Amino acid sequence: VQLVESGGGLVQPGGSLRLSCAASGFTLSSYVMRWFRQAPGKERRFVALITSDGGSTNYADSVKGRFTISRDIAKNTVYLQMNSLKPEDTAVYYCNVAIAGPDYWGQGTQVTVSS
């Protein structure tokens, strides 16, 4: 199992970024996929999830209406579209999958929102 995040960077407040999480070793359509983030000095926190059938999504209150999780089964990739970014969205973003118990994490991608 491998998860590789990309798409992070420096963006001004109000801007947008799209993060990608390329998965290998398993099929997205079999598992719930999640995005988390960790700001400096803080614990890792849930951001969004998409169910195994892709029919449902869920978001942290802090990102509802601004972030959208989606996936491309053909590419075995999960995305996080982030709009109206705020300085408090600054964090390392990780994608996550739990398979038969253990959690798997990517290496993370840094998102910095600053003017």
Protein backbone atom coordinates (compact mmCIF):
# COMPACT_ATOMS: atom_id res chain seq x y z
CA VAL A 1 0.00 0.00 0.00
CA GLN A 2 1.32 3.41 -0.97
CA LEU A 3 -0.19 6.88 -0.85
CA VAL A 4 1.56 9.81 -2.51
CA GLU A 5 0.22 13.33 -2.00
CA SER A 6 1.00 16.28 -4.25
CA GLY A 7 -0.33 19.70 -5.18
CA GLY A 8 0.56 21.71 -2.12
CA GLY A 9 2.22 25.10 -2.20
CA LEU A 10 2.05 28.74 -1.22
CA VAL A 11 -1.22 30.55 -1.98
CA GLN A 12 -2.70 33.89 -1.00
CA PRO A 13 -5.79 34.10 1.19
CA GLY A 14 -8.89 33.56 -0.92
CA GLY A 15 -7.00 31.41 -3.40
CA SER A 16 -7.44 27.79 -4.42
CA LEU A 17 -5.39 24.61 -4.58
CA ARG A 18 -6.15 21.06 -5.62
CA LEU A 19 -4.37 18.28 -3.76
CA SER A 20 -3.97 14.81 -5.21
CA CYS A 21 -3.39 11.49 -3.51
CA ALA A 22 -2.21 8.72 -5.83
CA ALA A 23 -2.93 5.31 -4.35
CA SER A 24 -1.34 1.98 -5.18
CA GLY A 25 -1.56 -1.52 -3.79
CA PHE A 26 -5.31 -1.38 -3.36
CA THR A 27 -8.43 -0.18 -5.15
CA LEU A 28 -10.14 3.04 -4.07
CA SER A 29 -13.57 1.58 -4.73
CA SER A 30 -13.09 -0.84 -1.82
CA TYR A 31 -12.23 1.61 0.97
CA VAL A 32 -13.13 4.87 2.63
CA MET A 33 -10.54 7.52 1.85
CA ARG A 34 -9.81 10.42 4.17
CA TRP A 35 -7.84 13.66 4.19
CA PHE A 36 -6.29 14.96 7.42
CA ARG A 37 -4.14 17.96 8.18
CA GLN A 38 -1.63 18.90 10.82
CA ALA A 39 -0.71 22.49 11.62
CA PRO A 40 2.59 23.29 13.37
CA GLY A 41 2.43 22.37 17.04
CA LYS A 42 -1.03 20.84 16.73
CA GLU A 43 -2.44 17.36 16.44
CA ARG A 44 -3.47 15.82 13.15
CA ARG A 45 -7.13 16.50 12.46
CA PHE A 46 -9.77 15.13 10.12
CA VAL A 47 -10.65 17.21 7.05
CA ALA A 48 -12.82 15.14 4.68
CA LEU A 49 -13.79 11.62 3.65
CA ILE A 50 -15.36 9.86 0.70
CA THR A 51 -17.04 6.48 1.04
CA SER A 52 -15.96 3.36 -0.82
CA ASP A 53 -18.82 3.65 -3.32
CA GLY A 54 -18.16 7.35 -3.78
CA GLY A 55 -21.75 8.12 -2.92
CA SER A 56 -21.18 10.03 0.30
CA THR A 57 -18.77 12.62 1.59
CA ASN A 58 -18.24 14.23 4.95
CA TYR A 59 -16.31 17.32 6.03
CA ALA A 60 -14.98 18.99 9.12
CA ASP A 61 -17.08 22.01 10.03
CA SER A 62 -14.09 24.29 9.45
CA VAL A 63 -13.92 23.42 5.73
CA LYS A 64 -17.58 22.82 4.80
CA GLY A 65 -18.61 24.78 1.75
CA ARG A 66 -14.99 25.50 0.79
CA PHE A 67 -13.36 22.08 0.28
CA THR A 68 -14.53 19.23 -1.95
CA ILE A 69 -13.26 15.65 -1.89
CA SER A 70 -13.53 13.55 -5.03
CA ARG A 71 -11.89 10.60 -6.72
CA ASP A 72 -10.98 9.16 -10.11
CA ILE A 73 -11.26 5.38 -10.03
CA ALA A 74 -9.46 4.98 -13.35
CA LYS A 75 -6.47 6.86 -11.97
CA ASN A 76 -6.87 5.41 -8.47
CA THR A 77 -6.47 8.95 -7.17
CA VAL A 78 -8.30 11.01 -4.56
CA TYR A 79 -8.48 14.78 -4.76
CA LEU A 80 -9.13 17.63 -2.36
CA GLN A 81 -10.24 20.85 -4.04
CA MET A 82 -9.67 23.73 -1.64
CA ASN A 83 -11.27 27.10 -2.35
CA SER A 84 -11.48 30.36 -0.40
CA LEU A 85 -8.35 29.40 1.50
CA LYS A 86 -7.62 31.06 4.82
CA PRO A 87 -4.37 31.42 6.78
CA GLU A 88 -5.73 28.92 9.31
CA ASP A 89 -5.78 26.29 6.55
CA THR A 90 -1.98 26.28 6.64
CA ALA A 91 -0.87 22.74 7.45
CA VAL A 92 0.64 19.56 6.10
CA TYR A 93 -2.15 17.61 4.38
CA TYR A 94 -2.20 13.82 4.46
CA CYS A 95 -4.39 11.23 2.83
CA ASN A 96 -5.32 8.12 4.73
CA VAL A 97 -6.84 4.69 4.27
CA ALA A 98 -7.59 1.99 6.82
CA ILE A 99 -7.23 -1.51 5.44
CA ALA A 100 -8.07 -4.52 7.62
CA GLY A 101 -7.26 -2.50 10.71
CA PRO A 102 -3.98 -0.62 10.16
CA ASP A 103 -3.95 2.98 8.98
CA TYR A 104 -1.81 3.93 6.02
CA TRP A 105 -0.56 7.48 5.46
CA GLY A 106 1.21 9.35 2.73
CA GLN A 107 4.22 11.58 3.30
CA GLY A 108 2.05 14.70 3.26
CA THR A 109 2.05 17.88 1.21
CA GLN A 110 2.57 21.36 2.67
CA VAL A 111 -0.09 24.01 2.15
CA THR A 112 0.76 27.56 3.19
CA VAL A 113 -1.82 30.32 2.98
CA SER A 114 -0.20 33.71 3.37
CA SER A 115 -0.07 37.11 1.76
